[in-house]
Amino acid sequence: MCELINYKGIFFPTLSTTLKDLNFIENEFQVRDDDIFNITYPKSGTTWVTDIVSLIHTNGDPTWSKTVPNWDRMPWLESAYVSDRLQNENSSPRLITSHLPKHLFSKSLSHSKAKVIYTVRNPKDVVVSLYYFSKMSVFFKEPDNFNEIVEEFLTGDLPYGSWFDHIKGWMELMGKDNFLLNTYEDLYEDLRGSVIRISKFLGKNFDDAIIDSIVEHATFKSMKDNKMSNFTLLPGTYMDQDKSPFMRKGVTGDWKNHFTVVQSEYFDKIYKTKMHNYPVKFPWDRM
């Protein structure tokens, strides 16, 4: 059963987030200059980037990624009590994940040198992934049908709010030295190139052997087989992977197998209206 709380007009799952934590993050949490943030709208490549950054952090050694759950390696800032714990964390750098929209993020980010990796994904593929995720997890309400999740996505009436607002909010940082725009499509089509680009952004210039190791252990198959990455360690009361695996396909363009022609044309119409004259063109805009 998915129960939600409302924080400043945005819904969040009560099982993972509290109003106290959200208020603390926005107004009191102090971002440090050497923090590394993995920011995404849900179902946009969060786990993939977590594993890549984890492997970069250990210079390609997969031991940490294979022995520590991803939510401990790169914890969600908005998860209950995590922000308070991170505030007192002495290790450096802090590796942090978040789905928060920009306007609810820590105000201290604006005057820090913390690095933000922002990963975006074709919104139609996000809808498909959300559809299956809502079937197997208690963090999203299960829709009665696929069309329902399409409508909720387009109106922003779902946890973490509007995809469009999320994109536009975080893209305000575009052009800053401490902001890297990453796409799911780039990860899928050129994993090695993406690893090199993210490594350099994080100040690492690795030789081919280390890059090879990172790529090998950050493939979809490797992550799907790694219980520290595939969320099978979570009890079935949180994620029932008998209904749908957390790591399902790891592909691009799967929306074509789910959207009807009518749904696709309707989605495109709303998308074009909301993104009219938006200066940044994403891979799916150019297709």
Protein backbone atom coordinates (compact mmCIF):
# COMPACT_ATOMS: atom_id res chain seq x y z
CA MET A 1 0.00 0.00 0.00
CA CYS A 2 1.52 3.30 -1.12
CA GLU A 3 0.97 6.18 1.32
CA LEU A 4 2.13 9.65 0.38
CA ILE A 5 2.95 12.90 2.16
CA ASN A 6 2.71 16.34 0.61
CA TYR A 7 5.67 18.69 0.95
CA LYS A 8 5.17 22.05 -0.74
CA GLY A 9 2.93 20.56 -3.40
CA ILE A 10 5.11 17.53 -4.18
CA PHE A 11 4.16 14.01 -3.07
CA PHE A 12 6.67 11.65 -1.45
CA PRO A 13 6.31 8.03 -0.21
CA THR A 14 5.92 7.95 3.57
CA LEU A 15 7.87 4.69 3.77
CA SER A 16 11.05 6.38 2.56
CA THR A 17 10.72 10.04 3.47
CA THR A 18 9.47 12.25 6.31
CA LEU A 19 8.39 15.89 6.34
CA LYS A 20 11.04 16.59 8.97
CA ASP A 21 13.79 15.24 6.72
CA LEU A 22 12.57 17.18 3.69
CA ASN A 23 12.51 20.42 5.67
CA PHE A 24 15.97 19.70 7.10
CA ILE A 25 17.42 19.02 3.65
CA GLU A 26 16.03 22.20 2.14
CA ASN A 27 16.87 24.57 4.95
CA GLU A 28 19.62 23.10 7.13
CA PHE A 29 21.62 20.42 5.31
CA GLN A 30 25.06 21.76 4.44
CA VAL A 31 26.51 20.78 1.10
CA ARG A 32 30.31 20.39 1.08
CA ASP A 33 32.57 21.39 -1.79
CA ASP A 34 33.76 17.82 -2.34
CA ASP A 35 30.30 16.20 -2.28
CA ILE A 36 29.31 14.17 -5.34
CA PHE A 37 25.59 14.03 -6.15
CA ASN A 38 23.83 11.49 -8.36
CA ILE A 39 20.60 13.31 -9.25
CA THR A 40 17.77 11.80 -11.28
CA TYR A 41 14.06 11.78 -11.75
CA PRO A 42 12.93 8.25 -10.72
CA LYS A 43 13.62 5.43 -13.19
CA SER A 44 16.14 7.39 -15.23
CA GLY A 45 19.37 5.49 -14.58
CA THR A 46 19.95 6.09 -10.88
CA THR A 47 21.28 2.62 -10.09
CA TRP A 48 23.52 2.64 -13.16
CA VAL A 49 25.21 5.88 -12.17
CA THR A 50 25.51 4.70 -8.57
CA ASP A 51 27.53 1.69 -9.66
CA ILE A 52 29.66 3.71 -12.07
CA VAL A 53 30.50 6.32 -9.43
CA SER A 54 31.15 3.58 -6.85
CA LEU A 55 33.64 1.93 -9.19
CA ILE A 56 35.29 5.26 -10.01
CA HIS A 57 35.59 5.92 -6.28
CA THR A 58 37.51 2.64 -5.81
CA ASN A 59 39.63 3.10 -8.95
CA GLY A 60 37.92 0.19 -10.69
CA ASP A 61 38.10 -2.29 -7.80
CA PRO A 62 34.67 -4.02 -7.70
CA THR A 63 34.98 -5.29 -4.11
CA TRP A 64 33.01 -2.41 -2.56
CA SER A 65 30.26 -2.66 -5.19
CA LYS A 66 29.95 -6.40 -4.61
CA THR A 67 29.90 -6.33 -0.82
CA VAL A 68 27.96 -3.17 0.14
CA PRO A 69 24.38 -2.39 -0.97
CA ASN A 70 24.09 0.57 -3.30
CA TRP A 71 21.88 2.46 -0.85
CA ASP A 72 24.79 2.41 1.62
CA ARG A 73 27.43 3.23 -0.98
CA MET A 74 25.53 6.24 -2.32
CA PRO A 75 22.55 6.80 0.00
CA TRP A 76 19.39 8.71 -0.92
CA LEU A 77 19.56 12.12 0.72
CA GLU A 78 15.79 12.25 1.25
CA SER A 79 15.51 8.81 2.85
CA ALA A 80 14.47 8.89 6.48
CA TYR A 81 17.29 10.05 8.80
CA VAL A 82 19.94 9.86 6.05
CA SER A 83 20.48 13.62 5.72
CA ASP A 84 21.00 13.95 9.46
CA ARG A 85 23.52 11.11 9.40
CA LEU A 86 25.34 12.55 6.40
CA GLN A 87 25.57 15.92 8.13
CA ASN A 88 27.81 14.29 10.73
CA GLU A 89 29.68 12.06 8.27
CA ASN A 90 33.45 12.53 8.46
CA SER A 91 34.41 10.55 5.36
CA SER A 92 35.22 12.48 2.23
CA PRO A 93 33.97 12.78 -0.42
CA ARG A 94 30.37 12.03 0.43
CA LEU A 95 28.63 10.15 -2.39
CA ILE A 96 24.93 11.03 -2.36
CA THR A 97 21.89 10.13 -4.47
CA SER A 98 18.67 12.12 -4.72
CA HIS A 99 15.41 12.32 -6.66
CA LEU A 100 14.54 15.71 -5.19
CA PRO A 101 13.49 18.51 -7.52
CA LYS A 102 15.91 21.43 -7.58
CA HIS A 103 13.65 23.91 -5.76
CA LEU A 104 13.41 21.57 -2.73
CA PHE A 105 17.14 20.79 -2.62
CA SER A 106 19.54 22.23 -0.06
CA LYS A 107 19.90 25.97 -0.47
CA SER A 108 23.61 25.61 0.34
CA LEU A 109 24.23 23.90 -3.02
CA SER A 110 24.10 27.24 -4.84
CA HIS A 111 27.35 28.50 -3.32
CA SER A 112 29.28 25.24 -3.24
CA LYS A 113 31.64 23.48 -5.63
CA ALA A 114 29.91 20.10 -5.10
CA LYS A 115 29.67 18.06 -8.28
CA VAL A 116 26.27 17.14 -9.66
CA ILE A 117 25.76 14.35 -12.20
CA TYR A 118 22.26 14.80 -13.57
CA THR A 119 20.96 11.87 -15.60
CA VAL A 120 17.96 12.17 -17.89
CA ARG A 121 16.11 9.55 -19.92
CA ASN A 122 13.57 9.50 -22.72
CA PRO A 123 10.37 10.31 -20.79
CA LYS A 124 8.39 7.64 -22.62
CA ASP A 125 10.84 5.01 -21.40
CA VAL A 126 10.59 6.53 -17.91
CA VAL A 127 6.81 6.02 -18.04
CA VAL A 128 7.24 2.34 -18.97
CA SER A 129 9.79 1.78 -16.20
CA LEU A 130 7.53 3.55 -13.69
CA TYR A 131 4.64 1.34 -14.77
CA TYR A 132 6.50 -1.86 -13.92
CA PHE A 133 8.11 -0.37 -10.82
CA SER A 134 4.71 0.66 -9.47
CA LYS A 135 3.55 -2.95 -9.87
CA MET A 136 6.35 -4.38 -7.75
CA SER A 137 7.15 -1.68 -5.17
CA VAL A 138 5.25 -0.02 -2.35
CA PHE A 139 6.79 3.37 -3.11
CA PHE A 140 4.39 4.11 -5.99
CA LYS A 141 0.66 3.50 -6.29
CA GLU A 142 -0.07 0.71 -8.75
CA PRO A 143 -2.07 2.09 -11.69
CA ASP A 144 -5.14 0.26 -12.94
CA ASN A 145 -3.72 0.33 -16.46
CA PHE A 146 -0.91 1.76 -18.55
CA ASN A 147 -2.93 4.75 -19.70
CA GLU A 148 -3.36 5.84 -16.08
CA ILE A 149 0.40 6.12 -15.52
CA VAL A 150 0.72 8.04 -18.81
CA GLU A 151 -1.84 10.58 -17.59
CA GLU A 152 -0.27 10.86 -14.13
CA PHE A 153 3.16 11.38 -15.65
CA LEU A 154 1.99 14.14 -17.96
CA THR A 155 0.17 15.98 -15.16
CA GLY A 156 2.94 15.40 -12.60
CA ASP A 157 0.45 13.80 -10.22
CA LEU A 158 2.82 11.18 -8.85
CA PRO A 159 5.70 10.93 -6.33
CA TYR A 160 8.51 13.46 -6.88
CA GLY A 161 6.26 15.60 -9.04
CA SER A 162 6.48 16.66 -12.64
CA TRP A 163 9.25 15.26 -14.86
CA PHE A 164 9.13 18.50 -16.84
CA ASP A 165 9.63 20.67 -13.75
CA HIS A 166 12.38 18.36 -12.50
CA ILE A 167 14.27 18.63 -15.79
CA LYS A 168 13.91 22.39 -16.10
CA GLY A 169 14.86 22.97 -12.47
CA TRP A 170 18.11 21.02 -12.49
CA MET A 171 19.03 22.14 -16.00
CA GLU A 172 19.34 25.66 -14.60
CA LEU A 173 22.84 24.52 -13.59
CA MET A 174 23.75 23.69 -17.20
CA GLY A 175 27.04 25.34 -18.16
CA LYS A 176 28.48 25.36 -14.65
CA ASP A 177 31.81 23.55 -14.14
CA ASN A 178 30.37 21.41 -11.35
CA PHE A 179 27.36 20.15 -13.36
CA LEU A 180 27.40 17.21 -15.78
CA LEU A 181 24.43 16.35 -17.95
CA ASN A 182 24.33 12.61 -18.50
CA THR A 183 21.75 10.61 -20.45
CA TYR A 184 20.52 7.05 -20.13
CA GLU A 185 20.80 6.80 -23.89
CA ASP A 186 24.53 7.64 -23.75
CA LEU A 187 25.06 4.99 -21.05
CA TYR A 188 23.31 2.43 -23.22
CA GLU A 189 24.94 3.30 -26.54
CA ASP A 190 28.46 4.12 -25.34
CA LEU A 191 29.07 2.90 -21.80
CA ARG A 192 32.84 3.18 -22.11
CA GLY A 193 32.69 6.74 -23.41
CA SER A 194 30.26 7.64 -20.62
CA VAL A 195 32.54 6.14 -17.96
CA ILE A 196 35.50 8.12 -19.29
CA ARG A 197 33.45 11.33 -19.34
CA ILE A 198 32.11 10.86 -15.80
CA SER A 199 35.58 9.90 -14.52
CA LYS A 200 37.14 13.05 -15.95
CA PHE A 201 34.32 15.16 -14.52
CA LEU A 202 35.19 13.70 -11.11
CA GLY A 203 38.86 14.53 -11.60
CA LYS A 204 40.04 11.01 -12.46
CA ASN A 205 42.22 10.22 -15.46
CA PHE A 206 42.35 6.43 -15.51
CA ASP A 207 44.39 4.13 -17.71
CA ASP A 208 42.65 1.63 -20.01
CA ALA A 209 42.84 -1.22 -17.49
CA ILE A 210 40.87 0.69 -14.85
CA ILE A 211 38.32 1.91 -17.40
CA ASP A 212 37.93 -1.68 -18.62
CA SER A 213 37.22 -2.85 -15.07
CA ILE A 214 34.65 -0.12 -14.44
CA VAL A 215 32.86 -0.87 -17.72
CA GLU A 216 32.90 -4.63 -17.08
CA HIS A 217 31.29 -4.29 -13.67
CA ALA A 218 28.84 -1.56 -14.70
CA THR A 219 27.14 -3.43 -17.53
CA PHE A 220 23.44 -4.10 -17.13
CA LYS A 221 24.07 -7.84 -16.83
CA SER A 222 26.70 -7.35 -14.13
CA MET A 223 24.38 -5.11 -12.11
CA LYS A 224 21.39 -7.39 -12.62
CA ASP A 225 23.43 -10.33 -11.27
CA ASN A 226 24.81 -8.31 -8.33
CA LYS A 227 22.57 -8.57 -5.26
CA MET A 228 24.19 -5.38 -3.96
CA SER A 229 22.74 -3.54 -6.94
CA ASN A 230 19.52 -5.34 -7.92
CA PHE A 231 17.59 -4.69 -4.67
CA THR A 232 16.92 -8.38 -4.02
CA LEU A 233 18.24 -7.77 -0.49
CA LEU A 234 15.10 -5.77 0.26
CA PRO A 235 12.17 -7.72 1.77
CA GLY A 236 9.35 -8.59 -0.60
CA THR A 237 7.10 -6.27 1.39
CA TYR A 238 8.99 -3.35 -0.19
CA MET A 239 9.69 -4.78 -3.63
CA ASP A 240 8.02 -7.93 -4.93
CA GLN A 241 10.38 -9.02 -7.67
CA ASP A 242 8.15 -11.98 -8.49
CA LYS A 243 5.79 -9.43 -10.04
CA SER A 244 8.55 -7.68 -11.97
CA PRO A 245 12.33 -7.59 -11.51
CA PHE A 246 13.74 -4.26 -10.34
CA MET A 247 16.29 -4.47 -13.14
CA ARG A 248 14.03 -5.42 -16.02
CA LYS A 249 15.56 -4.81 -19.45
CA GLY A 250 18.06 -1.97 -19.34
CA VAL A 251 17.31 -0.88 -22.91
CA THR A 252 16.18 2.22 -24.76
CA GLY A 253 13.06 2.53 -26.88
CA ASP A 254 10.98 -0.05 -24.98
CA TRP A 255 8.16 2.51 -24.99
CA LYS A 256 7.39 1.41 -28.56
CA ASN A 257 6.22 -1.93 -27.14
CA HIS A 258 3.77 -0.26 -24.73
CA PHE A 259 2.40 3.00 -26.13
CA THR A 260 -0.42 2.81 -28.63
CA VAL A 261 -0.25 5.19 -31.59
CA VAL A 262 -2.92 7.35 -29.96
CA GLN A 263 -1.09 7.44 -26.62
CA SER A 264 2.20 8.28 -28.33
CA GLU A 265 0.72 11.12 -30.36
CA TYR A 266 -1.06 12.50 -27.28
CA PHE A 267 2.16 12.30 -25.26
CA ASP A 268 4.11 14.05 -28.02
CA LYS A 269 1.56 16.86 -28.16
CA ILE A 270 1.80 17.54 -24.42
CA TYR A 271 5.57 17.17 -24.48
CA LYS A 272 5.95 19.72 -27.29
CA THR A 273 3.70 22.17 -25.46
CA LYS A 274 5.58 21.89 -22.17
CA MET A 275 9.05 21.90 -23.79
CA HIS A 276 8.29 24.56 -26.43
CA ASN A 277 11.38 26.64 -27.20
CA TYR A 278 13.39 24.80 -24.54
CA PRO A 279 17.04 25.54 -25.49
CA VAL A 280 18.49 22.10 -24.71
CA LYS A 281 17.81 19.27 -27.15
CA PHE A 282 17.96 15.73 -25.78
CA PRO A 283 18.66 12.55 -27.79
CA TRP A 284 14.96 11.74 -28.12
CA ASP A 285 14.25 15.27 -29.41
CA ARG A 286 16.57 14.66 -32.35
CA MET A 287 15.06 11.31 -33.34
